PDB file of N, CA and C in Angstrom:
ATOM      1  N   MET A   1     -30.101  27.894 -88.686  1.00  0.00           N
ATOM      2  CA  MET A   1     -30.661  28.990 -87.947  1.00  0.00           C
ATOM      3  C   MET A   1     -32.161  28.875 -88.021  1.00  0.00           C
ATOM      4  N   VAL A   2     -32.861  29.130 -86.931  1.00  0.00           N
ATOM      5  CA  VAL A   2     -34.303  29.075 -86.905  1.00  0.00           C
ATOM      6  C   VAL A   2     -34.786  30.484 -86.435  1.00  0.00           C
ATOM      7  N   LEU A   3     -35.656  31.053 -87.220  1.00  0.00           N
ATOM      8  CA  LEU A   3     -36.224  32.411 -86.958  1.00  0.00           C
ATOM      9  C   LEU A   3     -37.710  32.376 -86.920  1.00  0.00           C
ATOM     10  N   PRO A   4     -38.288  31.884 -85.838  1.00  0.00           N
ATOM     11  CA  PRO A   4     -39.761  31.765 -85.757  1.00  0.00           C
ATOM     12  C   PRO A   4     -40.399  33.117 -85.437  1.00  0.00           C
ATOM     13  N   ASP A   5     -41.614  33.255 -85.935  1.00  0.00           N
ATOM     14  CA  ASP A   5     -42.462  34.380 -85.507  1.00  0.00           C
ATOM     15  C   ASP A   5     -42.903  34.113 -84.064  1.00  0.00           C
ATOM     16  N   LEU A   6     -43.025  35.127 -83.293  1.00  0.00           N
ATOM     17  CA  LEU A   6     -43.691  34.995 -81.988  1.00  0.00           C
ATOM     18  C   LEU A   6     -45.159  34.867 -82.177  1.00  0.00           C
ATOM     19  N   ARG A   7     -45.804  34.156 -81.383  1.00  0.00           N
ATOM     20  CA  ARG A   7     -47.294  33.987 -81.460  1.00  0.00           C
ATOM     21  C   ARG A   7     -47.922  35.368 -81.528  1.00  0.00           C
ATOM     22  N   GLY A   8     -48.778  35.534 -82.499  1.00  0.00           N
ATOM     23  CA  GLY A   8     -49.484  36.786 -82.650  1.00  0.00           C
ATOM     24  C   GLY A   8     -48.754  37.839 -83.465  1.00  0.00           C
ATOM     25  N   TYR A   9     -47.521  37.599 -83.821  1.00  0.00           N
ATOM     26  CA  TYR A   9     -46.721  38.496 -84.613  1.00  0.00           C
ATOM     27  C   TYR A   9     -46.631  37.978 -86.075  1.00  0.00           C
ATOM     28  N   GLY A  10     -46.356  38.845 -86.990  1.00  0.00           N
ATOM     29  CA  GLY A  10     -46.081  38.399 -88.329  1.00  0.00           C
ATOM     30  C   GLY A  10     -47.152  37.510 -88.894  1.00  0.00           C
ATOM     31  N   ASP A  11     -46.751  36.442 -89.561  1.00  0.00           N
ATOM     32  CA  ASP A  11     -47.692  35.490 -90.137  1.00  0.00           C
ATOM     33  C   ASP A  11     -48.093  34.326 -89.197  1.00  0.00           C
ATOM     34  N   SER A  12     -47.731  34.449 -87.942  1.00  0.00           N
ATOM     35  CA  SER A  12     -48.085  33.353 -87.020  1.00  0.00           C
ATOM     36  C   SER A  12     -49.574  33.428 -86.701  1.00  0.00           C
ATOM     37  N   SER A  13     -50.060  32.308 -86.068  1.00  0.00           N
ATOM     38  CA  SER A  13     -51.466  32.286 -85.676  1.00  0.00           C
ATOM     39  C   SER A  13     -51.729  33.257 -84.535  1.00  0.00           C
ATOM     40  N   LYS A  14     -52.977  33.609 -84.421  1.00  0.00           N
ATOM     41  CA  LYS A  14     -53.366  34.585 -83.371  1.00  0.00           C
ATOM     42  C   LYS A  14     -54.518  33.986 -82.582  1.00  0.00           C
ATOM     43  N   PRO A  15     -54.177  33.033 -81.643  1.00  0.00           N
ATOM     44  CA  PRO A  15     -55.248  32.422 -80.819  1.00  0.00           C
ATOM     45  C   PRO A  15     -55.891  33.465 -79.871  1.00  0.00           C
ATOM     46  N   PRO A  16     -57.038  33.134 -79.345  1.00  0.00           N
ATOM     47  CA  PRO A  16     -57.680  33.999 -78.367  1.00  0.00           C
ATOM     48  C   PRO A  16     -56.729  34.212 -77.186  1.00  0.00           C
ATOM     49  N   ALA A  17     -56.832  35.372 -76.563  1.00  0.00           N
ATOM     50  CA  ALA A  17     -55.904  35.730 -75.478  1.00  0.00           C
ATOM     51  C   ALA A  17     -56.123  34.839 -74.270  1.00  0.00           C
ATOM     52  N   GLY A  18     -57.352  34.391 -74.065  1.00  0.00           N
ATOM     53  CA  GLY A  18     -57.578  33.552 -72.848  1.00  0.00           C
ATOM     54  C   GLY A  18     -57.679  34.335 -71.550  1.00  0.00           C
ATOM     55  N   PRO A  19     -57.887  33.654 -70.461  1.00  0.00           N
ATOM     56  CA  PRO A  19     -58.009  34.323 -69.138  1.00  0.00           C
ATOM     57  C   PRO A  19     -56.695  35.080 -68.832  1.00  0.00           C
ATOM     58  N   ASP A  20     -56.852  36.292 -68.411  1.00  0.00           N
ATOM     59  CA  ASP A  20     -55.676  37.136 -67.994  1.00  0.00           C
ATOM     60  C   ASP A  20     -54.660  37.280 -69.139  1.00  0.00           C
ATOM     61  N   ASN A  21     -55.138  37.065 -70.405  1.00  0.00           N
ATOM     62  CA  ASN A  21     -54.173  37.169 -71.550  1.00  0.00           C
ATOM     63  C   ASN A  21     -53.085  36.177 -71.493  1.00  0.00           C
ATOM     64  N   ALA A  22     -53.303  35.081 -70.810  1.00  0.00           N
ATOM     65  CA  ALA A  22     -52.258  34.068 -70.581  1.00  0.00           C
ATOM     66  C   ALA A  22     -51.644  33.482 -71.872  1.00  0.00           C
ATOM     67  N   ASN A  23     -52.433  33.431 -72.944  1.00  0.00           N
ATOM     68  CA  ASN A  23     -51.874  32.907 -74.196  1.00  0.00           C
ATOM     69  C   ASN A  23     -50.833  33.807 -74.842  1.00  0.00           C
ATOM     70  N   TYR A  24     -50.723  35.036 -74.332  1.00  0.00           N
ATOM     71  CA  TYR A  24     -49.730  36.008 -74.877  1.00  0.00           C
ATOM     72  C   TYR A  24     -48.707  36.393 -73.814  1.00  0.00           C
ATOM     73  N   ALA A  25     -48.715  35.665 -72.698  1.00  0.00           N
ATOM     74  CA  ALA A  25     -47.701  35.908 -71.691  1.00  0.00           C
ATOM     75  C   ALA A  25     -46.360  35.539 -72.227  1.00  0.00           C
ATOM     76  N   LYS A  26     -45.328  36.206 -71.716  1.00  0.00           N
ATOM     77  CA  LYS A  26     -43.955  35.862 -72.204  1.00  0.00           C
ATOM     78  C   LYS A  26     -43.663  34.368 -71.920  1.00  0.00           C
ATOM     79  N   ARG A  27     -44.212  33.869 -70.868  1.00  0.00           N
ATOM     80  CA  ARG A  27     -44.011  32.449 -70.512  1.00  0.00           C
ATOM     81  C   ARG A  27     -44.533  31.553 -71.587  1.00  0.00           C
ATOM     82  N   ALA A  28     -45.730  31.833 -72.090  1.00  0.00           N
ATOM     83  CA  ALA A  28     -46.344  31.052 -73.167  1.00  0.00           C
ATOM     84  C   ALA A  28     -45.591  31.194 -74.475  1.00  0.00           C
ATOM     85  N   LEU A  29     -45.090  32.379 -74.740  1.00  0.00           N
ATOM     86  CA  LEU A  29     -44.325  32.601 -75.978  1.00  0.00           C
ATOM     87  C   LEU A  29     -42.988  31.853 -75.914  1.00  0.00           C
ATOM     88  N   ALA A  30     -42.336  31.898 -74.698  1.00  0.00           N
ATOM     89  CA  ALA A  30     -41.140  31.153 -74.510  1.00  0.00           C
ATOM     90  C   ALA A  30     -41.340  29.656 -74.643  1.00  0.00           C
ATOM     91  N   GLN A  31     -42.417  29.116 -74.134  1.00  0.00           N
ATOM     92  CA  GLN A  31     -42.756  27.722 -74.278  1.00  0.00           C
ATOM     93  C   GLN A  31     -42.919  27.325 -75.733  1.00  0.00           C
ATOM     94  N   ASP A  32     -43.546  28.219 -76.539  1.00  0.00           N
ATOM     95  CA  ASP A  32     -43.670  27.965 -77.956  1.00  0.00           C
ATOM     96  C   ASP A  32     -42.287  27.717 -78.590  1.00  0.00           C
ATOM     97  N   GLN A  33     -41.299  28.543 -78.178  1.00  0.00           N
ATOM     98  CA  GLN A  33     -39.956  28.455 -78.791  1.00  0.00           C
ATOM     99  C   GLN A  33     -39.293  27.069 -78.391  1.00  0.00           C
ATOM    100  N   VAL A  34     -39.483  26.687 -77.148  1.00  0.00           N
ATOM    101  CA  VAL A  34     -38.956  25.371 -76.700  1.00  0.00           C
ATOM    102  C   VAL A  34     -39.576  24.248 -77.527  1.00  0.00           C
ATOM    103  N   GLU A  35     -40.853  24.335 -77.767  1.00  0.00           N
ATOM    104  CA  GLU A  35     -41.555  23.302 -78.467  1.00  0.00           C
ATOM    105  C   GLU A  35     -41.142  23.289 -79.951  1.00  0.00           C
ATOM    106  N   VAL A  36     -40.976  24.444 -80.545  1.00  0.00           N
ATOM    107  CA  VAL A  36     -40.496  24.530 -81.937  1.00  0.00           C
ATOM    108  C   VAL A  36     -39.127  23.861 -82.065  1.00  0.00           C
ATOM    109  N   MET A  37     -38.209  24.258 -81.182  1.00  0.00           N
ATOM    110  CA  MET A  37     -36.857  23.686 -81.206  1.00  0.00           C
ATOM    111  C   MET A  37     -36.813  22.218 -80.950  1.00  0.00           C
ATOM    112  N   ALA A  38     -37.643  21.702 -80.044  1.00  0.00           N
ATOM    113  CA  ALA A  38     -37.749  20.296 -79.778  1.00  0.00           C
ATOM    114  C   ALA A  38     -38.270  19.520 -81.028  1.00  0.00           C
ATOM    115  N   ALA A  39     -39.253  20.110 -81.716  1.00  0.00           N
ATOM    116  CA  ALA A  39     -39.776  19.537 -82.919  1.00  0.00           C
ATOM    117  C   ALA A  39     -38.732  19.445 -83.995  1.00  0.00           C
ATOM    118  N   LEU A  40     -37.762  20.300 -83.948  1.00  0.00           N
ATOM    119  CA  LEU A  40     -36.675  20.297 -84.938  1.00  0.00           C
ATOM    120  C   LEU A  40     -35.502  19.547 -84.409  1.00  0.00           C
ATOM    121  N   ASP A  41     -35.643  18.814 -83.315  1.00  0.00           N
ATOM    122  CA  ASP A  41     -34.649  17.952 -82.669  1.00  0.00           C
ATOM    123  C   ASP A  41     -33.468  18.728 -82.034  1.00  0.00           C
ATOM    124  N   PHE A  42     -33.743  19.948 -81.572  1.00  0.00           N
ATOM    125  CA  PHE A  42     -32.774  20.714 -80.815  1.00  0.00           C
ATOM    126  C   PHE A  42     -33.155  20.715 -79.370  1.00  0.00           C
ATOM    127  N   GLU A  43     -32.365  20.005 -78.522  1.00  0.00           N
ATOM    128  CA  GLU A  43     -32.621  20.022 -77.100  1.00  0.00           C
ATOM    129  C   GLU A  43     -31.961  21.229 -76.417  1.00  0.00           C
ATOM    130  N   ARG A  44     -30.797  21.610 -76.940  1.00  0.00           N
ATOM    131  CA  ARG A  44     -30.084  22.814 -76.451  1.00  0.00           C
ATOM    132  C   ARG A  44     -29.817  23.684 -77.670  1.00  0.00           C
ATOM    133  N   PHE A  45     -29.868  25.017 -77.425  1.00  0.00           N
ATOM    134  CA  PHE A  45     -29.714  25.932 -78.566  1.00  0.00           C
ATOM    135  C   PHE A  45     -29.322  27.336 -78.083  1.00  0.00           C
ATOM    136  N   ALA A  46     -28.752  28.125 -78.950  1.00  0.00           N
ATOM    137  CA  ALA A  46     -28.463  29.525 -78.699  1.00  0.00           C
ATOM    138  C   ALA A  46     -29.747  30.338 -78.949  1.00  0.00           C
ATOM    139  N   VAL A  47     -29.875  31.383 -78.215  1.00  0.00           N
ATOM    140  CA  VAL A  47     -31.055  32.246 -78.310  1.00  0.00           C
ATOM    141  C   VAL A  47     -30.629  33.703 -78.425  1.00  0.00           C
ATOM    142  N   ALA A  48     -31.248  34.408 -79.341  1.00  0.00           N
ATOM    143  CA  ALA A  48     -31.007  35.868 -79.417  1.00  0.00           C
ATOM    144  C   ALA A  48     -32.379  36.523 -79.490  1.00  0.00           C
ATOM    145  N   GLY A  49     -32.591  37.562 -78.710  1.00  0.00           N
ATOM    146  CA  GLY A  49     -33.860  38.268 -78.727  1.00  0.00           C
ATOM    147  C   GLY A  49     -33.625  39.735 -78.961  1.00  0.00           C
ATOM    148  N   HIS A  50     -34.512  40.374 -79.692  1.00  0.00           N
ATOM    149  CA  HIS A  50     -34.424  41.822 -79.917  1.00  0.00           C
ATOM    150  C   HIS A  50     -35.786  42.427 -79.555  1.00  0.00           C
ATOM    151  N   ASP A  51     -35.762  43.542 -78.860  1.00  0.00           N
ATOM    152  CA  ASP A  51     -36.966  44.293 -78.563  1.00  0.00           C
ATOM    153  C   ASP A  51     -37.939  43.378 -77.750  1.00  0.00           C
ATOM    154  N   ARG A  52     -39.145  43.150 -78.227  1.00  0.00           N
ATOM    155  CA  ARG A  52     -40.105  42.308 -77.436  1.00  0.00           C
ATOM    156  C   ARG A  52     -39.628  40.861 -77.378  1.00  0.00           C
ATOM    157  N   GLY A  53     -38.910  40.408 -78.422  1.00  0.00           N
ATOM    158  CA  GLY A  53     -38.326  39.068 -78.395  1.00  0.00           C
ATOM    159  C   GLY A  53     -37.287  38.908 -77.288  1.00  0.00           C
ATOM    160  N   THR A  54     -36.696  40.023 -76.865  1.00  0.00           N
ATOM    161  CA  THR A  54     -35.745  39.917 -75.749  1.00  0.00           C
ATOM    162  C   THR A  54     -36.425  39.530 -74.463  1.00  0.00           C
ATOM    163  N   ARG A  55     -37.690  40.078 -74.268  1.00  0.00           N
ATOM    164  CA  ARG A  55     -38.415  39.660 -73.048  1.00  0.00           C
ATOM    165  C   ARG A  55     -38.762  38.149 -73.134  1.00  0.00           C
ATOM    166  N   VAL A  56     -39.095  37.663 -74.284  1.00  0.00           N
ATOM    167  CA  VAL A  56     -39.420  36.238 -74.482  1.00  0.00           C
ATOM    168  C   VAL A  56     -38.150  35.430 -74.217  1.00  0.00           C
ATOM    169  N   ALA A  57     -37.022  35.847 -74.823  1.00  0.00           N
ATOM    170  CA  ALA A  57     -35.748  35.150 -74.603  1.00  0.00           C
ATOM    171  C   ALA A  57     -35.352  35.107 -73.148  1.00  0.00           C
ATOM    172  N   HIS A  58     -35.548  36.228 -72.437  1.00  0.00           N
ATOM    173  CA  HIS A  58     -35.188  36.250 -70.980  1.00  0.00           C
ATOM    174  C   HIS A  58     -36.138  35.261 -70.234  1.00  0.00           C
ATOM    175  N   ARG A  59     -37.413  35.210 -70.563  1.00  0.00           N
ATOM    176  CA  ARG A  59     -38.332  34.286 -69.883  1.00  0.00           C
ATOM    177  C   ARG A  59     -37.926  32.844 -70.219  1.00  0.00           C
ATOM    178  N   LEU A  60     -37.548  32.570 -71.462  1.00  0.00           N
ATOM    179  CA  LEU A  60     -37.117  31.229 -71.870  1.00  0.00           C
ATOM    180  C   LEU A  60     -35.896  30.854 -71.032  1.00  0.00           C
ATOM    181  N   ALA A  61     -34.968  31.744 -70.860  1.00  0.00           N
ATOM    182  CA  ALA A  61     -33.732  31.429 -70.090  1.00  0.00           C
ATOM    183  C   ALA A  61     -34.076  31.180 -68.603  1.00  0.00           C
ATOM    184  N   ARG A  62     -35.016  31.903 -68.085  1.00  0.00           N
ATOM    185  CA  ARG A  62     -35.411  31.755 -66.710  1.00  0.00           C
ATOM    186  C   ARG A  62     -36.167  30.433 -66.503  1.00  0.00           C
ATOM    187  N   ASP A  63     -37.070  30.093 -67.458  1.00  0.00           N
ATOM    188  CA  ASP A  63     -37.893  28.905 -67.279  1.00  0.00           C
ATOM    189  C   ASP A  63     -37.203  27.624 -67.716  1.00  0.00           C
ATOM    190  N   HIS A  64     -36.272  27.727 -68.690  1.00  0.00           N
ATOM    191  CA  HIS A  64     -35.633  26.527 -69.258  1.00  0.00           C
ATOM    192  C   HIS A  64     -34.089  26.742 -69.404  1.00  0.00           C
ATOM    193  N   PRO A  65     -33.426  27.031 -68.308  1.00  0.00           N
ATOM    194  CA  PRO A  65     -31.979  27.277 -68.454  1.00  0.00           C
ATOM    195  C   PRO A  65     -31.178  26.091 -69.019  1.00  0.00           C
ATOM    196  N   GLU A  66     -31.710  24.887 -68.778  1.00  0.00           N
ATOM    197  CA  GLU A  66     -31.011  23.683 -69.299  1.00  0.00           C
ATOM    198  C   GLU A  66     -31.039  23.623 -70.833  1.00  0.00           C
ATOM    199  N   ARG A  67     -31.879  24.409 -71.498  1.00  0.00           N
ATOM    200  CA  ARG A  67     -31.968  24.388 -72.954  1.00  0.00           C
ATOM    201  C   ARG A  67     -31.003  25.430 -73.614  1.00  0.00           C
ATOM    202  N   ILE A  68     -30.532  26.359 -72.883  1.00  0.00           N
ATOM    203  CA  ILE A  68     -29.809  27.469 -73.420  1.00  0.00           C
ATOM    204  C   ILE A  68     -28.292  27.226 -73.448  1.00  0.00           C
ATOM    205  N   GLU A  69     -27.683  27.316 -74.668  1.00  0.00           N
ATOM    206  CA  GLU A  69     -26.253  27.226 -74.828  1.00  0.00           C
ATOM    207  C   GLU A  69     -25.626  28.614 -74.703  1.00  0.00           C
ATOM    208  N   GLN A  70     -26.261  29.598 -75.356  1.00  0.00           N
ATOM    209  CA  GLN A  70     -25.780  30.988 -75.299  1.00  0.00           C
ATOM    210  C   GLN A  70     -27.020  31.834 -75.398  1.00  0.00           C
ATOM    211  N   LEU A  71     -26.901  33.048 -74.839  1.00  0.00           N
ATOM    212  CA  LEU A  71     -28.021  33.956 -74.792  1.00  0.00           C
ATOM    213  C   LEU A  71     -27.588  35.376 -75.108  1.00  0.00           C
ATOM    214  N   ALA A  72     -28.285  36.018 -76.053  1.00  0.00           N
ATOM    215  CA  ALA A  72     -28.034  37.469 -76.423  1.00  0.00           C
ATOM    216  C   ALA A  72     -29.311  38.203 -76.261  1.00  0.00           C
ATOM    217  N   LEU A  73     -29.288  39.247 -75.435  1.00  0.00           N
ATOM    218  CA  LEU A  73     -30.474  40.054 -75.187  1.00  0.00           C
ATOM    219  C   LEU A  73     -30.173  41.455 -75.693  1.00  0.00           C
ATOM    220  N   LEU A  74     -30.887  41.953 -76.696  1.00  0.00           N
ATOM    221  CA  LEU A  74     -30.511  43.180 -77.380  1.00  0.00           C
ATOM    222  C   LEU A  74     -31.679  44.214 -77.322  1.00  0.00           C
ATOM    223  N   ASP A  75     -31.276  45.464 -77.093  1.00  0.00           N
ATOM    224  CA  ASP A  75     -32.143  46.606 -77.220  1.00  0.00           C
ATOM    225  C   ASP A  75     -33.423  46.560 -76.392  1.00  0.00           C
ATOM    226  N   ILE A  76     -33.273  46.417 -75.076  1.00  0.00           N
ATOM    227  CA  ILE A  76     -34.416  46.446 -74.222  1.00  0.00           C
ATOM    228  C   ILE A  76     -34.044  47.116 -72.869  1.00  0.00           C
ATOM    229  N   VAL A  77     -34.880  47.820 -72.306  1.00  0.00           N
ATOM    230  CA  VAL A  77     -34.711  48.379 -70.951  1.00  0.00           C
ATOM    231  C   VAL A  77     -34.935  47.206 -69.993  1.00  0.00           C
ATOM    232  N   PRO A  78     -34.024  47.029 -69.018  1.00  0.00           N
ATOM    233  CA  PRO A  78     -34.267  45.959 -68.062  1.00  0.00           C
ATOM    234  C   PRO A  78     -35.634  45.959 -67.454  1.00  0.00           C
ATOM    235  N   THR A  79     -36.229  44.768 -67.409  1.00  0.00           N
ATOM    236  CA  THR A  79     -37.662  44.617 -66.987  1.00  0.00           C
ATOM    237  C   THR A  79     -37.924  45.188 -65.607  1.00  0.00           C
ATOM    238  N   LEU A  80     -37.091  44.839 -64.619  1.00  0.00           N
ATOM    239  CA  LEU A  80     -37.363  45.339 -63.237  1.00  0.00           C
ATOM    240  C   LEU A  80     -37.299  46.821 -63.201  1.00  0.00           C
ATOM    241  N   TYR A  81     -36.293  47.442 -63.867  1.00  0.00           N
ATOM    242  CA  TYR A  81     -36.162  48.901 -63.928  1.00  0.00           C
ATOM    243  C   TYR A  81     -37.417  49.498 -64.507  1.00  0.00           C
ATOM    244  N   ARG A  82     -37.921  48.940 -65.647  1.00  0.00           N
ATOM    245  CA  ARG A  82     -39.101  49.453 -66.297  1.00  0.00           C
ATOM    246  C   ARG A  82     -40.295  49.426 -65.379  1.00  0.00           C
ATOM    247  N   PHE A  83     -40.515  48.280 -64.724  1.00  0.00           N
ATOM    248  CA  PHE A  83     -41.665  48.099 -63.840  1.00  0.00           C
ATOM    249  C   PHE A  83     -41.573  49.068 -62.673  1.00  0.00           C
ATOM    250  N   GLU A  84     -40.398  49.314 -62.137  1.00  0.00           N
ATOM    251  CA  GLU A  84     -40.260  50.151 -60.952  1.00  0.00           C
ATOM    252  C   GLU A  84     -40.332  51.657 -61.288  1.00  0.00           C
ATOM    253  N   THR A  85     -40.117  52.034 -62.549  1.00  0.00           N
ATOM    254  CA  THR A  85     -40.047  53.462 -62.889  1.00  0.00           C
ATOM    255  C   THR A  85     -41.111  53.926 -63.906  1.00  0.00           C
ATOM    256  N   ILE A  86     -41.962  53.039 -64.325  1.00  0.00           N
ATOM    257  CA  ILE A  86     -42.967  53.410 -65.399  1.00  0.00           C
ATOM    258  C   ILE A  86     -43.902  54.438 -64.822  1.00  0.00           C
ATOM    259  N   ASP A  87     -44.190  55.449 -65.705  1.00  0.00           N
ATOM    260  CA  ASP A  87     -45.227  56.402 -65.424  1.00  0.00           C
ATOM    261  C   ASP A  87     -45.696  56.960 -66.789  1.00  0.00           C
ATOM    262  N   GLN A  88     -46.600  57.866 -66.808  1.00  0.00           N
ATOM    263  CA  GLN A  88     -47.102  58.354 -68.096  1.00  0.00           C
ATOM    264  C   GLN A  88     -46.033  59.035 -68.964  1.00  0.00           C
ATOM    265  N   LYS A  89     -45.036  59.629 -68.318  1.00  0.00           N
ATOM    266  CA  LYS A  89     -44.021  60.328 -69.058  1.00  0.00           C
ATOM    267  C   LYS A  89     -43.206  59.425 -69.930  1.00  0.00           C
ATOM    268  N   ALA A  90     -42.906  58.190 -69.436  1.00  0.00           N
ATOM    269  CA  ALA A  90     -42.064  57.272 -70.225  1.00  0.00           C
ATOM    270  C   ALA A  90     -42.662  56.898 -71.583  1.00  0.00           C
ATOM    271  N   PRO A  91     -43.905  56.392 -71.679  1.00  0.00           N
ATOM    272  CA  PRO A  91     -44.411  56.028 -72.991  1.00  0.00           C
ATOM    273  C   PRO A  91     -44.690  57.281 -73.867  1.00  0.00           C
ATOM    274  N   THR A  92     -45.044  58.403 -73.277  1.00  0.00           N
ATOM    275  CA  THR A  92     -45.276  59.600 -74.042  1.00  0.00           C
ATOM    276  C   THR A  92     -44.001  60.110 -74.673  1.00  0.00           C
ATOM    277  N   ALA A  93     -42.914  60.034 -73.900  1.00  0.00           N
ATOM    278  CA  ALA A  93     -41.621  60.505 -74.418  1.00  0.00           C
ATOM    279  C   ALA A  93     -41.040  59.606 -75.481  1.00  0.00           C
ATOM    280  N   SER A  94     -41.373  58.344 -75.484  1.00  0.00           N
ATOM    281  CA  SER A  94     -40.781  57.368 -76.416  1.00  0.00           C
ATOM    282  C   SER A  94     -41.726  56.978 -77.510  1.00  0.00           C
ATOM    283  N   ALA A  95     -42.867  57.668 -77.667  1.00  0.00           N
ATOM    284  CA  ALA A  95     -43.815  57.340 -78.726  1.00  0.00           C
ATOM    285  C   ALA A  95     -43.123  57.597 -80.105  1.00  0.00           C
ATOM    286  N   HIS A  96     -43.459  56.777 -81.021  1.00  0.00           N
ATOM    287  CA  HIS A  96     -42.851  56.927 -82.350  1.00  0.00           C
ATOM    288  C   HIS A  96     -43.542  58.024 -83.086  1.00  0.00           C
TER     289      HIS A  96
END
């Protein structure tokens, strides 16, 4: 089992965000996971994502479907629904 930190989270490095915050885009974070698994000699692997990691796992599956054996996406509002319905009420109501 491999449990990597996402870039910028936990004890991982925190590189500059770059133009348009591209270094923290879900696509960049998904690519990190592909590279970590390749470095560990895993060409195909199961992926599970929770909360923000779910969005990374979803992007990984969209960009690299040939790498995914199984996929579990946990505890996240579907992205398209969130983008289509977001307003000030949503984050205010769900603030911790």
